[in-house]
Amino acid sequence: MILRQSFILSWFCVFILVGCQNKELLNEEDTLILNEENTSVEVSKNMRILDDSENSFDSTIPFTVVKSFNPNEEYIEYEEVQGEKFTYIKLPKSKSIISGKLTFENDREDPLIIKTLFFQGNENIKIKPQNSSEWTSSITYEVSPHSSHTINIDLKWDVNGMQELTFFPIDQTSEVEHYNGGNLGSFRFFVQSKDITLSKESVNEQAFQLDNNELKPEQDVFPVPIWVGENNDEVEFSSKGSILLTKEKVRGIKLSAIPYDTEVDIVLVDEFGNSSLISKGVKIVKDQPTTISFNHDVLEKMYSEDARQFLLIMNNREEKILSDLKALNLYQKPFFTSHQRVIEFYKSEK
């Protein structure tokens, strides 16, 4: 059951140390406002992904929204794992652009407004509609009710950069607590844009086994983050109109216990695509919650910004995603453990 859930999650992803101080900061002017009149956009009443999800997911609550990125067929490679296919991206040697489709499906009564960001590793990458010659850091698009919208896009890829792509569609019409760390808010692909060799050691590092009594129904398979304040206690929230605030200033985050060892990186990003790697290689010890405190400069920066900010929390960076899959295929672990979490930062009322 766990294995199947993990692969469903992987399938859905297909569809759906501080840096950057020396860079010019991105802002609202770097966002392209796109509408359905653009020739790169296709609009339909046929919501294929939502219809397919009814047969693929067991849920008492029907899905009403899809936010997905699908690379074009020429970029797709498959890693077969225990009879199921996992998708990753392989960039042809002659190319430095990844082409694909954004698909947004909205079966709600109200419009859906999505701001789309992409990251190569820890850095924002440029995006453009395929019919355009102008690159931008993000695209904002409104999806009308009961419709499916597909946008043909290009992504500018650095073949010497990190070999992973994160798709981060920010739902600007969601409830204020939507990015609470428990929802699947971003999607990550391994991208092979240079030669790699997966050693036996890298696969063995992913291996672990669990007894039947070690994984309880309430056990988190992926770590869930919460904000913590003084004494590493979870912060409480208050609301001011439509704005969510914390009752005290945060000092860091706490990750829930998971049944295996791993390491995570934490990237602070804002709604315009500015990003900085604020924690690297944080060790997560099996069955123990992990508290991560942020230094004064990071916290001061977070509280000084007006833009919406988020933490992207990721393990198994780059080709370790493939090592994870290969260990699973060899039955060296019970389920796929590569993950990414998103939690939004909120200002305090004090």
Protein backbone atom coordinates (compact mmCIF):
# COMPACT_ATOMS: atom_id res chain seq x y z
CA MET A 1 0.00 0.00 0.00
CA ILE A 2 2.80 2.42 0.91
CA LEU A 3 4.61 1.63 -2.33
CA ARG A 4 1.50 2.34 -4.39
CA GLN A 5 0.88 5.63 -2.59
CA SER A 6 4.46 6.69 -3.25
CA PHE A 7 4.17 6.02 -6.96
CA ILE A 8 0.83 7.76 -7.20
CA LEU A 9 2.55 10.77 -5.65
CA SER A 10 5.36 10.52 -8.21
CA TRP A 11 2.85 10.26 -11.07
CA PHE A 12 0.99 13.30 -9.79
CA CYS A 13 4.21 15.28 -9.71
CA VAL A 14 4.51 14.76 -13.47
CA PHE A 15 1.16 16.32 -13.87
CA ILE A 16 1.00 18.67 -11.66
CA LEU A 17 24.57 29.62 3.24
CA VAL A 18 22.78 32.67 1.78
CA GLY A 19 23.14 33.65 -1.85
CA CYS A 20 21.81 36.23 -4.30
CA GLN A 21 22.82 39.33 -2.32
CA ASN A 22 24.89 40.44 -5.31
CA LYS A 23 22.03 39.97 -7.75
CA GLU A 24 19.43 42.51 -8.70
CA LEU A 25 16.28 41.54 -6.85
CA LEU A 26 13.27 40.38 -8.84
CA ASN A 27 9.99 42.23 -8.35
CA GLU A 28 6.47 42.47 -9.75
CA GLU A 29 7.79 44.02 -12.97
CA ASP A 30 9.55 40.71 -13.70
CA THR A 31 6.22 38.85 -13.79
CA LEU A 32 4.37 38.29 -17.06
CA ILE A 33 0.58 38.64 -16.80
CA LEU A 34 -0.77 36.19 -19.38
CA ASN A 35 -4.35 35.65 -20.54
CA GLU A 36 -6.19 33.12 -22.66
CA GLU A 37 -5.99 35.31 -25.76
CA ASN A 38 -2.29 34.51 -26.07
CA THR A 39 -1.55 32.09 -28.93
CA SER A 40 0.50 29.85 -26.61
CA VAL A 41 -2.67 29.15 -24.59
CA GLU A 42 -5.24 26.43 -25.30
CA VAL A 43 -8.59 26.47 -23.47
CA SER A 44 -11.01 23.56 -23.15
CA LYS A 45 -14.00 22.45 -21.11
CA ASN A 46 -12.56 18.93 -21.05
CA MET A 47 -10.81 18.44 -17.69
CA ARG A 48 -8.96 15.25 -18.52
CA ILE A 49 -6.60 15.09 -15.54
CA LEU A 50 -9.38 15.69 -13.02
CA ASP A 51 -11.52 13.05 -14.72
CA ASP A 52 -8.62 10.56 -14.66
CA SER A 53 -7.94 11.28 -10.98
CA GLU A 54 -11.35 9.90 -10.03
CA ASN A 55 -10.12 6.47 -11.13
CA SER A 56 -6.57 6.82 -9.76
CA PHE A 57 -7.06 8.21 -6.25
CA ASP A 58 -9.15 6.94 -3.38
CA SER A 59 -10.58 10.04 -1.74
CA THR A 60 -13.87 11.00 -0.13
CA ILE A 61 -13.24 14.62 -1.16
CA PRO A 62 -13.25 15.15 -4.94
CA PHE A 63 -10.31 16.96 -6.52
CA THR A 64 -11.30 20.30 -8.05
CA VAL A 65 -7.97 21.84 -9.12
CA VAL A 66 -4.95 20.67 -11.11
CA LYS A 67 -1.66 22.56 -11.43
CA SER A 68 0.81 20.60 -13.55
CA PHE A 69 3.91 20.81 -15.72
CA ASN A 70 4.57 18.18 -18.40
CA PRO A 71 7.81 18.27 -20.39
CA ASN A 72 7.47 17.58 -24.10
CA GLU A 73 7.98 13.97 -25.18
CA GLU A 74 11.50 14.52 -26.53
CA TYR A 75 12.70 15.35 -22.98
CA ILE A 76 11.03 12.47 -21.15
CA GLU A 77 12.93 9.44 -19.86
CA TYR A 78 11.59 6.63 -17.71
CA GLU A 79 13.10 4.70 -14.83
CA GLU A 80 11.20 1.45 -14.34
CA VAL A 81 10.80 0.52 -10.71
CA GLN A 82 9.07 -2.70 -9.67
CA GLY A 83 7.02 -2.67 -12.87
CA GLU A 84 5.98 0.99 -12.71
CA LYS A 85 7.45 3.93 -14.62
CA PHE A 86 8.90 7.00 -12.97
CA THR A 87 9.39 10.05 -15.21
CA TYR A 88 12.46 12.24 -15.28
CA ILE A 89 13.84 14.73 -17.78
CA LYS A 90 16.84 14.21 -20.05
CA LEU A 91 18.10 17.24 -21.90
CA PRO A 92 19.48 16.56 -25.41
CA LYS A 93 23.14 17.59 -25.58
CA SER A 94 22.44 20.24 -28.22
CA LYS A 95 19.81 22.06 -26.16
CA SER A 96 19.70 24.52 -23.28
CA ILE A 97 15.92 24.93 -23.25
CA ILE A 98 13.27 22.61 -21.80
CA SER A 99 9.91 22.88 -23.56
CA GLY A 100 6.66 21.67 -22.09
CA LYS A 101 3.11 22.47 -21.08
CA LEU A 102 1.58 24.06 -18.03
CA THR A 103 -1.88 22.66 -17.41
CA PHE A 104 -4.36 24.26 -15.02
CA GLU A 105 -7.79 22.73 -14.46
CA ASN A 106 -10.39 24.51 -12.37
CA ASP A 107 -13.66 22.79 -11.49
CA ARG A 108 -14.61 25.39 -8.89
CA GLU A 109 -17.20 28.14 -9.10
CA ASP A 110 -14.62 30.94 -8.82
CA PRO A 111 -11.59 31.86 -10.94
CA LEU A 112 -8.18 30.48 -10.03
CA ILE A 113 -5.14 32.77 -10.14
CA ILE A 114 -1.75 31.04 -10.34
CA LYS A 115 1.72 32.57 -10.29
CA THR A 116 4.18 30.03 -11.69
CA LEU A 117 7.85 29.88 -10.71
CA PHE A 118 10.54 27.40 -11.76
CA PHE A 119 13.85 26.72 -10.03
CA GLN A 120 16.96 24.93 -11.21
CA GLY A 121 18.33 23.65 -7.94
CA ASN A 122 18.17 26.68 -5.65
CA GLU A 123 17.92 29.38 -8.32
CA ASN A 124 15.00 30.86 -10.24
CA ILE A 125 15.13 30.19 -13.98
CA LYS A 126 13.57 32.15 -16.82
CA ILE A 127 10.31 31.14 -18.44
CA LYS A 128 8.44 32.33 -21.52
CA PRO A 129 5.41 31.39 -23.62
CA GLN A 130 6.62 29.52 -26.69
CA ASN A 131 5.32 32.21 -29.04
CA SER A 132 7.35 34.91 -27.27
CA SER A 133 11.00 35.96 -27.43
CA GLU A 134 10.99 37.70 -24.03
CA TRP A 135 12.01 35.77 -20.92
CA THR A 136 10.52 36.44 -17.49
CA SER A 137 10.98 35.14 -13.95
CA SER A 138 7.33 34.12 -13.44
CA ILE A 139 3.96 33.93 -15.16
CA THR A 140 0.63 34.89 -13.60
CA TYR A 141 -2.48 33.42 -15.17
CA GLU A 142 -6.20 33.42 -14.34
CA VAL A 143 -8.09 30.17 -14.91
CA SER A 144 -11.83 30.61 -15.44
CA PRO A 145 -14.26 28.30 -13.61
CA HIS A 146 -15.02 24.80 -14.99
CA SER A 147 -12.28 24.87 -17.61
CA SER A 148 -8.86 23.50 -18.53
CA HIS A 149 -6.05 25.76 -19.73
CA THR A 150 -2.76 24.61 -21.28
CA ILE A 151 0.16 27.00 -21.81
CA ASN A 152 3.05 26.00 -24.07
CA ILE A 153 6.25 27.24 -22.41
CA ASP A 154 10.04 27.20 -22.64
CA LEU A 155 12.42 27.10 -19.68
CA LYS A 156 15.98 28.43 -19.90
CA TRP A 157 18.32 25.73 -18.58
CA ASP A 158 21.96 26.04 -17.43
CA VAL A 159 23.62 22.77 -18.48
CA ASN A 160 26.35 23.37 -15.87
CA GLY A 161 23.90 24.01 -13.04
CA MET A 162 22.15 21.67 -10.63
CA GLN A 163 20.33 18.74 -12.20
CA GLU A 164 16.87 19.19 -10.76
CA LEU A 165 13.84 21.25 -11.70
CA THR A 166 11.25 22.49 -9.19
CA PHE A 167 7.83 23.62 -10.41
CA PHE A 168 6.23 25.95 -7.86
CA PRO A 169 2.74 27.17 -8.78
CA ILE A 170 1.62 29.68 -6.16
CA ASP A 171 -2.16 29.64 -5.83
CA GLN A 172 -3.06 33.27 -5.15
CA THR A 173 -6.72 32.41 -4.57
CA SER A 174 -6.20 29.63 -2.02
CA GLU A 175 -6.98 29.85 1.67
CA VAL A 176 -4.34 31.73 3.65
CA GLU A 177 -3.12 28.60 5.44
CA HIS A 178 -2.84 26.52 2.26
CA TYR A 179 0.98 26.38 2.32
CA ASN A 180 1.15 24.93 5.81
CA GLY A 181 3.77 22.26 5.12
CA GLY A 182 1.25 19.43 4.90
CA ASN A 183 0.03 20.00 1.32
CA LEU A 184 1.90 19.07 -1.83
CA GLY A 185 2.76 22.60 -2.98
CA SER A 186 5.72 22.05 -5.32
CA PHE A 187 6.87 19.36 -7.75
CA ARG A 188 10.44 18.30 -8.44
CA PHE A 189 12.03 16.48 -11.39
CA PHE A 190 15.48 15.03 -11.78
CA VAL A 191 16.99 16.54 -14.95
CA GLN A 192 19.91 14.79 -16.58
CA SER A 193 21.73 17.56 -18.43
CA LYS A 194 25.24 16.11 -18.12
CA ASP A 195 26.80 12.67 -17.83
CA ILE A 196 26.32 10.92 -14.49
CA THR A 197 27.39 7.64 -12.93
CA LEU A 198 25.41 6.23 -10.05
CA SER A 199 27.77 4.27 -7.84
CA LYS A 200 26.78 1.22 -5.84
CA GLU A 201 27.60 3.23 -2.71
CA SER A 202 25.16 6.01 -3.64
CA VAL A 203 22.38 3.44 -4.02
CA ASN A 204 23.31 1.63 -0.80
CA GLU A 205 23.17 4.93 1.09
CA GLN A 206 19.46 5.02 0.33
CA ALA A 207 18.78 1.55 1.76
CA PHE A 208 16.77 0.86 4.91
CA GLN A 209 14.19 -1.66 6.07
CA LEU A 210 11.26 -1.49 8.47
CA ASP A 211 9.57 -4.12 10.56
CA ASN A 212 5.81 -4.35 10.23
CA ASN A 213 5.32 -2.77 13.63
CA GLU A 214 7.64 0.18 12.94
CA LEU A 215 5.29 2.04 10.60
CA LYS A 216 2.09 3.00 12.35
CA PRO A 217 -0.92 4.48 10.48
CA GLU A 218 -0.33 7.92 12.03
CA GLN A 219 3.41 7.87 11.13
CA ASP A 220 4.58 10.60 8.75
CA VAL A 221 6.42 9.11 5.78
CA PHE A 222 7.70 12.56 4.79
CA PRO A 223 8.60 15.21 7.40
CA VAL A 224 5.94 17.85 8.06
CA PRO A 225 7.34 21.29 9.03
CA ILE A 226 5.87 23.66 11.61
CA TRP A 227 7.08 27.09 12.70
CA VAL A 228 8.57 27.32 16.20
CA GLY A 229 9.38 30.25 18.47
CA GLU A 230 11.09 30.53 21.82
CA ASN A 231 11.85 27.21 23.52
CA ASN A 232 11.19 25.52 20.17
CA ASP A 233 7.45 25.44 20.84
CA GLU A 234 5.00 25.59 17.95
CA VAL A 235 3.82 29.15 17.34
CA GLU A 236 0.17 30.09 17.54
CA PHE A 237 -1.61 32.07 14.83
CA SER A 238 -4.10 34.91 14.74
CA SER A 239 -5.88 36.58 11.86
CA LYS A 240 -6.27 40.21 10.94
CA GLY A 241 -8.92 40.32 8.27
CA SER A 242 -7.63 38.03 5.54
CA ILE A 243 -4.04 38.20 6.84
CA LEU A 244 -2.59 35.39 8.95
CA LEU A 245 -0.10 36.39 11.67
CA THR A 246 1.92 34.54 14.29
CA LYS A 247 1.48 35.54 17.91
CA GLU A 248 5.25 35.63 18.40
CA LYS A 249 8.25 35.84 16.12
CA VAL A 250 9.51 32.55 14.76
CA ARG A 251 13.01 31.27 15.43
CA GLY A 252 13.01 28.30 13.07
CA ILE A 253 11.07 25.19 12.10
CA LYS A 254 10.54 21.72 13.49
CA LEU A 255 10.22 18.67 11.22
CA SER A 256 8.10 15.76 12.37
CA ALA A 257 9.76 12.39 12.95
CA ILE A 258 10.07 10.00 10.00
CA PRO A 259 11.11 6.31 9.98
CA TYR A 260 14.46 6.71 8.17
CA ASP A 261 17.62 8.83 8.14
CA THR A 262 18.06 11.52 5.49
CA GLU A 263 19.40 15.06 4.96
CA VAL A 264 17.49 18.17 3.89
CA ASP A 265 18.30 21.51 2.35
CA ILE A 266 16.11 24.56 2.97
CA VAL A 267 15.68 27.28 0.36
CA LEU A 268 13.96 30.56 1.17
CA VAL A 269 12.04 31.89 -1.85
CA ASP A 270 9.65 34.76 -2.37
CA GLU A 271 6.72 35.18 -4.73
CA PHE A 272 8.90 36.90 -7.35
CA GLY A 273 11.54 34.14 -7.53
CA ASN A 274 14.27 35.59 -5.30
CA SER A 275 15.91 32.72 -3.44
CA SER A 276 18.66 31.84 -0.99
CA LEU A 277 19.89 28.55 0.43
CA ILE A 278 19.61 29.06 4.20
CA SER A 279 20.32 25.53 5.49
CA LYS A 280 22.27 22.75 3.79
CA GLY A 281 22.68 19.08 4.60
CA VAL A 282 20.68 19.13 7.83
CA LYS A 283 20.75 15.60 9.22
CA ILE A 284 17.42 13.96 9.99
CA VAL A 285 17.70 11.04 12.42
CA LYS A 286 15.20 8.19 12.23
CA ASP A 287 12.20 8.51 14.58
CA GLN A 288 13.32 11.84 15.98
CA PRO A 289 11.78 15.27 15.33
CA THR A 290 14.32 17.78 14.03
CA THR A 291 14.46 21.43 15.08
CA ILE A 292 16.27 23.82 12.73
CA SER A 293 17.05 27.30 14.02
CA PHE A 294 17.79 30.16 11.62
CA ASN A 295 20.47 32.73 12.28
CA HIS A 296 19.73 36.37 13.03
CA ASP A 297 20.57 37.65 9.53
CA VAL A 298 18.18 35.21 7.86
CA LEU A 299 15.33 36.05 10.25
CA GLU A 300 15.96 39.77 9.94
CA LYS A 301 15.78 39.47 6.14
CA MET A 302 12.53 37.50 6.33
CA TYR A 303 10.86 40.04 8.60
CA SER A 304 12.04 43.01 6.50
CA GLU A 305 10.47 41.79 3.25
CA ASP A 306 6.96 42.69 2.12
CA ALA A 307 6.62 39.93 -0.49
CA ARG A 308 5.12 36.53 0.34
CA GLN A 309 7.89 34.12 1.37
CA PHE A 310 8.12 30.36 1.52
CA LEU A 311 10.52 27.67 2.62
CA LEU A 312 11.20 24.84 0.17
CA ILE A 313 12.43 21.85 2.18
CA MET A 314 14.02 19.12 0.04
CA ASN A 315 16.05 15.94 0.45
CA ASN A 316 17.80 13.71 -2.12
CA ARG A 317 19.06 16.52 -4.32
CA GLU A 318 19.85 15.95 -8.02
CA GLU A 319 20.89 12.39 -8.97
CA LYS A 320 20.12 11.14 -5.46
CA ILE A 321 16.52 11.05 -6.71
CA LEU A 322 17.59 8.31 -9.13
CA SER A 323 19.60 6.53 -6.44
CA ASP A 324 16.46 6.49 -4.34
CA LEU A 325 14.52 4.86 -7.19
CA LYS A 326 17.21 2.28 -7.89
CA ALA A 327 17.33 1.27 -4.22
CA LEU A 328 13.56 0.85 -4.28
CA ASN A 329 13.74 -1.27 -7.43
CA LEU A 330 16.28 -3.54 -5.71
CA TYR A 331 13.92 -3.91 -2.71
CA GLN A 332 16.52 -2.21 -0.50
CA LYS A 333 13.85 0.12 0.91
CA PRO A 334 10.08 -0.14 1.38
CA PHE A 335 9.06 3.09 -0.38
CA PHE A 336 10.29 6.10 -2.32
CA THR A 337 11.64 8.76 0.06
CA SER A 338 12.52 11.78 -2.12
CA HIS A 339 10.32 14.64 -1.04
CA GLN A 340 9.81 18.40 -1.03
CA ARG A 341 7.68 20.44 1.34
CA VAL A 342 6.48 24.05 1.23
CA ILE A 343 5.61 26.19 4.23
CA GLU A 344 4.70 29.87 4.03
CA PHE A 345 6.24 32.49 6.31
CA TYR A 346 3.93 34.89 8.16
CA LYS A 347 4.73 38.13 9.94
CA SER A 348 4.09 38.38 13.67
CA GLU A 349 1.47 40.52 15.40
CA LYS A 350 4.11 41.84 17.80
